[in-house]
Amino acid sequence: MAEPIRLVVVDDHAIVRQGLRSILERESDIQVVGEAATAAQALDLVALERPHIVLLDLKLSAGSDTAGLALCGELTRQPAAPGVLVVTTFLDEQLVLSAIQAGARGYVLKDVDAVALVAAIRAVRGGESAFDSHSAAMVVRSLAGGTAPSPGPGLTSREQAVLTLLARGLSNAAIGRELYISATTAKFHVGNLMRKLSVSRRAEAVYAGSKLGLI
């Protein structure tokens, strides 16, 4: 059997952590290996447990709504960094963008249903991005709105189509279904467009493509 997805929950509210643990531990392929309420606790726990995924709230103190952003950056700069999936109550264009720039691989709101949250976790573990429809649309609107298209990096029409679907947060399999190609072919196109955009993450491809006016 495949190794379970080892996951740490970081949120300053115990009831939220307990609720997420209760939901996620129903999944046979997900193992919650720890909880943390502060950035310091999270760093110590991640160093000890080496999780694959960190579910991270952006509000980790009463005095700041964005303390989690700094922690996100610290976590993603580490060797063998975990995939960070932001799970928060805040839907704000600048926060979504800042989370991407800090290395987050996904951004979902706390009102997401359990099925979508589990799917997002599995997507991040699989090296994909995981943005809910609200945050994905917000990124595209924030970055592309009101900007003149810039010369592109030579994307083919198929790569352009794949990039547009990436901005919707689709997985390789879902992109394949949309374009009537296999998931393997979709992955090939994703890799090509990421190379052309000089990025290493799918979320960064959306960010770069939007800045270039490609989306």
C-alpha atoms as a PDB file:
ATOM      1  CA  MET A   1       0.000   0.000   0.000  1.00  0.00           C
ATOM      2  CA  ALA A   2       1.085   3.586  -0.659  1.00  0.00           C
ATOM      3  CA  GLU A   3       2.458   5.570   2.247  1.00  0.00           C
ATOM      4  CA  PRO A   4      -0.267   7.620   3.979  1.00  0.00           C
ATOM      5  CA  ILE A   5      -0.170  11.381   3.548  1.00  0.00           C
ATOM      6  CA  ARG A   6       1.402  12.667   6.752  1.00  0.00           C
ATOM      7  CA  LEU A   7      -0.239  15.945   7.703  1.00  0.00           C
ATOM      8  CA  VAL A   8       0.105  18.678  10.350  1.00  0.00           C
ATOM      9  CA  VAL A   9      -2.724  21.091  11.192  1.00  0.00           C
ATOM     10  CA  VAL A  10      -1.710  24.640  12.185  1.00  0.00           C
ATOM     11  CA  ASP A  11      -4.500  26.839  13.560  1.00  0.00           C
ATOM     12  CA  ASP A  12      -4.770  28.986  16.677  1.00  0.00           C
ATOM     13  CA  HIS A  13      -8.228  27.612  17.540  1.00  0.00           C
ATOM     14  CA  ALA A  14      -8.281  24.182  19.187  1.00  0.00           C
ATOM     15  CA  ILE A  15     -11.841  23.491  18.058  1.00  0.00           C
ATOM     16  CA  VAL A  16     -10.852  24.058  14.419  1.00  0.00           C
ATOM     17  CA  ARG A  17      -7.839  21.762  14.737  1.00  0.00           C
ATOM     18  CA  GLN A  18      -9.963  19.072  16.352  1.00  0.00           C
ATOM     19  CA  GLY A  19     -12.645  19.433  13.689  1.00  0.00           C
ATOM     20  CA  LEU A  20     -10.137  19.096  10.853  1.00  0.00           C
ATOM     21  CA  ARG A  21      -8.517  16.101  12.522  1.00  0.00           C
ATOM     22  CA  SER A  22     -11.912  14.431  12.942  1.00  0.00           C
ATOM     23  CA  ILE A  23     -12.732  14.920   9.258  1.00  0.00           C
ATOM     24  CA  LEU A  24      -9.338  13.905   7.889  1.00  0.00           C
ATOM     25  CA  GLU A  25      -8.800  10.835  10.030  1.00  0.00           C
ATOM     26  CA  ARG A  26     -11.776   9.219   8.309  1.00  0.00           C
ATOM     27  CA  GLU A  27      -9.604   8.951   5.195  1.00  0.00           C
ATOM     28  CA  SER A  28      -7.502   5.814   5.017  1.00  0.00           C
ATOM     29  CA  ASP A  29      -4.706   7.559   3.094  1.00  0.00           C
ATOM     30  CA  ILE A  30      -4.344  10.573   5.429  1.00  0.00           C
ATOM     31  CA  GLN A  31      -2.615  10.526   8.816  1.00  0.00           C
ATOM     32  CA  VAL A  32      -2.719  13.635  11.041  1.00  0.00           C
ATOM     33  CA  VAL A  33       0.623  13.467  12.850  1.00  0.00           C
ATOM     34  CA  GLY A  34       0.266  16.632  14.902  1.00  0.00           C
ATOM     35  CA  GLU A  35      -1.363  19.971  15.641  1.00  0.00           C
ATOM     36  CA  ALA A  36       0.138  23.379  16.382  1.00  0.00           C
ATOM     37  CA  ALA A  37      -1.342  26.679  17.542  1.00  0.00           C
ATOM     38  CA  THR A  38       1.644  28.972  16.941  1.00  0.00           C
ATOM     39  CA  ALA A  39       4.406  29.443  14.397  1.00  0.00           C
ATOM     40  CA  ALA A  40       7.058  28.278  16.872  1.00  0.00           C
ATOM     41  CA  GLN A  41       5.104  25.123  17.684  1.00  0.00           C
ATOM     42  CA  ALA A  42       4.570  24.476  13.978  1.00  0.00           C
ATOM     43  CA  LEU A  43       8.264  24.760  13.114  1.00  0.00           C
ATOM     44  CA  ASP A  44       9.228  22.403  15.935  1.00  0.00           C
ATOM     45  CA  LEU A  45       6.516  19.919  14.985  1.00  0.00           C
ATOM     46  CA  VAL A  46       7.408  19.945  11.282  1.00  0.00           C
ATOM     47  CA  ALA A  47      11.085  19.414  12.125  1.00  0.00           C
ATOM     48  CA  LEU A  48      10.134  16.457  14.315  1.00  0.00           C
ATOM     49  CA  GLU A  49       7.454  14.762  12.201  1.00  0.00           C
ATOM     50  CA  ARG A  50       8.518  15.689   8.643  1.00  0.00           C
ATOM     51  CA  PRO A  51       4.935  15.805   7.301  1.00  0.00           C
ATOM     52  CA  HIS A  52       4.102  15.793   3.619  1.00  0.00           C
ATOM     53  CA  ILE A  53       1.442  18.505   4.005  1.00  0.00           C
ATOM     54  CA  VAL A  54       0.834  21.408   6.387  1.00  0.00           C
ATOM     55  CA  LEU A  55      -2.704  22.797   6.627  1.00  0.00           C
ATOM     56  CA  LEU A  56      -2.091  26.412   7.597  1.00  0.00           C
ATOM     57  CA  ASP A  57      -4.406  29.154   8.806  1.00  0.00           C
ATOM     58  CA  LEU A  58      -3.177  32.680   8.069  1.00  0.00           C
ATOM     59  CA  LYS A  59      -4.386  34.050  11.417  1.00  0.00           C
ATOM     60  CA  LEU A  60      -2.182  32.618  14.168  1.00  0.00           C
ATOM     61  CA  SER A  61      -2.477  35.418  16.709  1.00  0.00           C
ATOM     62  CA  ALA A  62      -5.100  37.855  17.946  1.00  0.00           C
ATOM     63  CA  GLY A  63      -3.021  40.805  16.788  1.00  0.00           C
ATOM     64  CA  SER A  64      -2.456  39.754  13.175  1.00  0.00           C
ATOM     65  CA  ASP A  65      -4.586  38.335  10.385  1.00  0.00           C
ATOM     66  CA  THR A  66      -1.550  37.351   8.319  1.00  0.00           C
ATOM     67  CA  ALA A  67       0.983  35.868  10.751  1.00  0.00           C
ATOM     68  CA  GLY A  68       0.712  32.592   8.866  1.00  0.00           C
ATOM     69  CA  LEU A  69       2.271  34.122   5.750  1.00  0.00           C
ATOM     70  CA  ALA A  70       5.673  34.453   7.409  1.00  0.00           C
ATOM     71  CA  LEU A  71       5.419  30.878   8.654  1.00  0.00           C
ATOM     72  CA  CYS A  72       4.483  29.713   5.155  1.00  0.00           C
ATOM     73  CA  GLY A  73       7.680  31.255   3.815  1.00  0.00           C
ATOM     74  CA  GLU A  74       9.786  29.648   6.535  1.00  0.00           C
ATOM     75  CA  LEU A  75       8.278  26.227   5.918  1.00  0.00           C
ATOM     76  CA  THR A  76       8.663  26.303   2.141  1.00  0.00           C
ATOM     77  CA  ARG A  77      12.294  27.436   2.313  1.00  0.00           C
ATOM     78  CA  GLN A  78      13.310  24.342   4.261  1.00  0.00           C
ATOM     79  CA  PRO A  79      15.044  21.358   2.668  1.00  0.00           C
ATOM     80  CA  ALA A  80      12.456  18.690   1.820  1.00  0.00           C
ATOM     81  CA  ALA A  81       9.799  21.306   2.488  1.00  0.00           C
ATOM     82  CA  PRO A  82       6.224  20.149   3.113  1.00  0.00           C
ATOM     83  CA  GLY A  83       3.461  21.221   0.768  1.00  0.00           C
ATOM     84  CA  VAL A  84       1.603  24.106   2.384  1.00  0.00           C
ATOM     85  CA  LEU A  85      -2.155  24.301   1.874  1.00  0.00           C
ATOM     86  CA  VAL A  86      -3.687  27.483   3.263  1.00  0.00           C
ATOM     87  CA  VAL A  87      -7.082  26.896   4.885  1.00  0.00           C
ATOM     88  CA  THR A  88      -8.478  30.201   6.060  1.00  0.00           C
ATOM     89  CA  THR A  89     -11.544  32.408   6.435  1.00  0.00           C
ATOM     90  CA  PHE A  90     -10.003  35.288   4.488  1.00  0.00           C
ATOM     91  CA  LEU A  91     -10.706  35.714   0.776  1.00  0.00           C
ATOM     92  CA  ASP A  92      -8.606  38.675  -0.288  1.00  0.00           C
ATOM     93  CA  GLU A  93      -6.723  39.136  -3.546  1.00  0.00           C
ATOM     94  CA  GLN A  94      -3.514  40.319  -1.934  1.00  0.00           C
ATOM     95  CA  LEU A  95      -3.541  37.517   0.625  1.00  0.00           C
ATOM     96  CA  VAL A  96      -4.010  34.854  -2.030  1.00  0.00           C
ATOM     97  CA  LEU A  97      -1.191  36.365  -4.056  1.00  0.00           C
ATOM     98  CA  SER A  98       1.074  36.738  -1.034  1.00  0.00           C
ATOM     99  CA  ALA A  99       0.453  33.107  -0.083  1.00  0.00           C
ATOM    100  CA  ILE A 100       1.536  31.979  -3.562  1.00  0.00           C
ATOM    101  CA  GLN A 101       4.640  34.141  -3.376  1.00  0.00           C
ATOM    102  CA  ALA A 102       5.414  32.633   0.058  1.00  0.00           C
ATOM    103  CA  GLY A 103       5.353  29.174  -1.512  1.00  0.00           C
ATOM    104  CA  ALA A 104       1.839  27.910  -0.736  1.00  0.00           C
ATOM    105  CA  ARG A 105       0.653  25.268  -3.175  1.00  0.00           C
ATOM    106  CA  GLY A 106      -3.019  25.816  -2.468  1.00  0.00           C
ATOM    107  CA  TYR A 107      -5.570  28.178  -0.931  1.00  0.00           C
ATOM    108  CA  VAL A 108      -9.050  27.158   0.180  1.00  0.00           C
ATOM    109  CA  LEU A 109     -11.632  28.706   2.463  1.00  0.00           C
ATOM    110  CA  LYS A 110     -12.750  27.093   5.710  1.00  0.00           C
ATOM    111  CA  ASP A 111     -16.269  26.691   4.390  1.00  0.00           C
ATOM    112  CA  VAL A 112     -14.966  24.176   1.841  1.00  0.00           C
ATOM    113  CA  ASP A 113     -16.711  20.821   2.096  1.00  0.00           C
ATOM    114  CA  ALA A 114     -14.847  17.748   3.311  1.00  0.00           C
ATOM    115  CA  VAL A 115     -14.685  16.128  -0.127  1.00  0.00           C
ATOM    116  CA  ALA A 116     -13.098  19.211  -1.700  1.00  0.00           C
ATOM    117  CA  LEU A 117     -10.627  19.615   1.180  1.00  0.00           C
ATOM    118  CA  VAL A 118      -9.477  16.014   0.907  1.00  0.00           C
ATOM    119  CA  ALA A 119      -9.158  16.407  -2.873  1.00  0.00           C
ATOM    120  CA  ALA A 120      -7.029  19.531  -2.346  1.00  0.00           C
ATOM    121  CA  ILE A 121      -4.750  17.687   0.069  1.00  0.00           C
ATOM    122  CA  ARG A 122      -4.274  14.826  -2.363  1.00  0.00           C
ATOM    123  CA  ALA A 123      -3.611  17.261  -5.215  1.00  0.00           C
ATOM    124  CA  VAL A 124      -0.893  19.062  -3.261  1.00  0.00           C
ATOM    125  CA  ARG A 125       0.665  15.742  -2.267  1.00  0.00           C
ATOM    126  CA  GLY A 126       0.698  14.844  -5.960  1.00  0.00           C
ATOM    127  CA  GLY A 127       2.652  17.993  -6.826  1.00  0.00           C
ATOM    128  CA  GLU A 128      -0.334  19.903  -8.145  1.00  0.00           C
ATOM    129  CA  SER A 129      -1.860  23.196  -7.062  1.00  0.00           C
ATOM    130  CA  ALA A 130      -5.159  23.306  -5.182  1.00  0.00           C
ATOM    131  CA  PHE A 131      -7.082  26.555  -5.335  1.00  0.00           C
ATOM    132  CA  ASP A 132     -10.819  26.672  -4.836  1.00  0.00           C
ATOM    133  CA  SER A 133     -12.824  28.394  -7.551  1.00  0.00           C
ATOM    134  CA  HIS A 134     -13.065  31.660  -5.607  1.00  0.00           C
ATOM    135  CA  SER A 135      -9.342  32.066  -4.946  1.00  0.00           C
ATOM    136  CA  ALA A 136      -8.319  30.895  -8.432  1.00  0.00           C
ATOM    137  CA  ALA A 137     -10.618  33.431 -10.075  1.00  0.00           C
ATOM    138  CA  MET A 138      -9.368  36.110  -7.711  1.00  0.00           C
ATOM    139  CA  VAL A 139      -5.732  35.476  -8.637  1.00  0.00           C
ATOM    140  CA  VAL A 140      -6.475  35.731 -12.329  1.00  0.00           C
ATOM    141  CA  ARG A 141      -8.590  38.873 -11.922  1.00  0.00           C
ATOM    142  CA  SER A 142      -6.050  40.549  -9.646  1.00  0.00           C
ATOM    143  CA  LEU A 143      -3.046  39.884 -11.846  1.00  0.00           C
ATOM    144  CA  ALA A 144      -4.562  40.185 -15.310  1.00  0.00           C
ATOM    145  CA  GLY A 145      -7.165  42.871 -14.737  1.00  0.00           C
ATOM    146  CA  GLY A 146      -6.280  46.208 -16.240  1.00  0.00           C
ATOM    147  CA  THR A 147      -2.889  45.158 -17.554  1.00  0.00           C
ATOM    148  CA  ALA A 148      -1.837  45.164 -21.157  1.00  0.00           C
ATOM    149  CA  PRO A 149      -0.733  41.812 -22.516  1.00  0.00           C
ATOM    150  CA  SER A 150       3.014  41.410 -22.673  1.00  0.00           C
ATOM    151  CA  PRO A 151       4.932  39.369 -25.217  1.00  0.00           C
ATOM    152  CA  GLY A 152       4.527  35.710 -24.325  1.00  0.00           C
ATOM    153  CA  PRO A 153       7.275  33.157 -23.790  1.00  0.00           C
ATOM    154  CA  GLY A 154       6.358  31.168 -26.887  1.00  0.00           C
ATOM    155  CA  LEU A 155       3.543  29.014 -25.531  1.00  0.00           C
ATOM    156  CA  THR A 156       1.764  26.838 -28.056  1.00  0.00           C
ATOM    157  CA  SER A 157      -2.012  27.079 -28.361  1.00  0.00           C
ATOM    158  CA  ARG A 158      -2.347  23.820 -26.415  1.00  0.00           C
ATOM    159  CA  GLU A 159      -0.039  25.068 -23.652  1.00  0.00           C
ATOM    160  CA  GLN A 160      -2.065  28.284 -23.530  1.00  0.00           C
ATOM    161  CA  ALA A 161      -5.242  26.230 -23.063  1.00  0.00           C
ATOM    162  CA  VAL A 162      -3.573  24.159 -20.347  1.00  0.00           C
ATOM    163  CA  LEU A 163      -2.446  27.330 -18.550  1.00  0.00           C
ATOM    164  CA  THR A 164      -6.011  28.661 -18.573  1.00  0.00           C
ATOM    165  CA  LEU A 165      -7.219  25.431 -16.983  1.00  0.00           C
ATOM    166  CA  LEU A 166      -4.402  25.543 -14.433  1.00  0.00           C
ATOM    167  CA  ALA A 167      -5.737  28.944 -13.367  1.00  0.00           C
ATOM    168  CA  ARG A 168      -9.012  27.208 -12.537  1.00  0.00           C
ATOM    169  CA  GLY A 169      -7.137  24.873 -10.198  1.00  0.00           C
ATOM    170  CA  LEU A 170      -7.664  21.764 -12.312  1.00  0.00           C
ATOM    171  CA  SER A 171      -5.567  18.631 -11.869  1.00  0.00           C
ATOM    172  CA  ASN A 172      -3.761  16.927 -14.751  1.00  0.00           C
ATOM    173  CA  ALA A 173      -6.587  14.407 -15.016  1.00  0.00           C
ATOM    174  CA  ALA A 174      -9.234  17.134 -15.102  1.00  0.00           C
ATOM    175  CA  ILE A 175      -7.249  19.103 -17.700  1.00  0.00           C
ATOM    176  CA  GLY A 176      -7.066  15.949 -19.774  1.00  0.00           C
ATOM    177  CA  ARG A 177     -10.832  15.504 -19.621  1.00  0.00           C
ATOM    178  CA  GLU A 178     -11.422  19.126 -20.629  1.00  0.00           C
ATOM    179  CA  LEU A 179      -9.063  18.877 -23.619  1.00  0.00           C
ATOM    180  CA  TYR A 180      -9.782  15.232 -24.528  1.00  0.00           C
ATOM    181  CA  ILE A 181      -6.190  14.173 -23.904  1.00  0.00           C
ATOM    182  CA  SER A 182      -4.653  11.775 -21.406  1.00  0.00           C
ATOM    183  CA  ALA A 183      -3.515  12.889 -17.950  1.00  0.00           C
ATOM    184  CA  THR A 184       0.035  11.969 -18.977  1.00  0.00           C
ATOM    185  CA  THR A 185      -0.152  14.265 -22.011  1.00  0.00           C
ATOM    186  CA  ALA A 186      -1.621  17.030 -19.851  1.00  0.00           C
ATOM    187  CA  LYS A 187       1.291  16.609 -17.428  1.00  0.00           C
ATOM    188  CA  PHE A 188       3.711  16.864 -20.351  1.00  0.00           C
ATOM    189  CA  HIS A 189       2.174  20.176 -21.461  1.00  0.00           C
ATOM    190  CA  VAL A 190       2.175  21.496 -17.874  1.00  0.00           C
ATOM    191  CA  GLY A 191       5.883  20.697 -17.604  1.00  0.00           C
ATOM    192  CA  ASN A 192       6.640  22.433 -20.894  1.00  0.00           C
ATOM    193  CA  LEU A 193       4.794  25.617 -20.054  1.00  0.00           C
ATOM    194  CA  MET A 194       6.367  25.744 -16.584  1.00  0.00           C
ATOM    195  CA  ARG A 195       9.805  25.458 -18.189  1.00  0.00           C
ATOM    196  CA  LYS A 196       8.980  28.260 -20.637  1.00  0.00           C
ATOM    197  CA  LEU A 197       7.713  30.453 -17.802  1.00  0.00           C
ATOM    198  CA  SER A 198      10.831  29.634 -15.711  1.00  0.00           C
ATOM    199  CA  VAL A 199       8.823  28.448 -12.707  1.00  0.00           C
ATOM    200  CA  SER A 200       8.834  25.268 -10.631  1.00  0.00           C
ATOM    201  CA  ARG A 201       5.291  25.255  -9.231  1.00  0.00           C
ATOM    202  CA  ARG A 202       1.894  25.216 -10.877  1.00  0.00           C
ATOM    203  CA  ALA A 203       0.681  28.162  -8.808  1.00  0.00           C
ATOM    204  CA  GLU A 204       3.719  30.157  -9.918  1.00  0.00           C
ATOM    205  CA  ALA A 205       2.837  29.347 -13.534  1.00  0.00           C
ATOM    206  CA  VAL A 206      -0.591  30.919 -13.008  1.00  0.00           C
ATOM    207  CA  TYR A 207       1.045  33.943 -11.378  1.00  0.00           C
ATOM    208  CA  ALA A 208       3.633  34.358 -14.157  1.00  0.00           C
ATOM    209  CA  GLY A 209       1.123  33.735 -16.929  1.00  0.00           C
ATOM    210  CA  SER A 210      -1.260  36.306 -15.493  1.00  0.00           C
ATOM    211  CA  LYS A 211       1.489  38.933 -15.230  1.00  0.00           C
ATOM    212  CA  LEU A 212       2.318  38.318 -18.875  1.00  0.00           C
ATOM    213  CA  GLY A 213      -1.320  38.755 -19.849  1.00  0.00           C
ATOM    214  CA  LEU A 214      -1.614  35.147 -20.997  1.00  0.00           C
ATOM    215  CA  ILE A 215      -4.723  34.448 -18.921  1.00  0.00           C
END
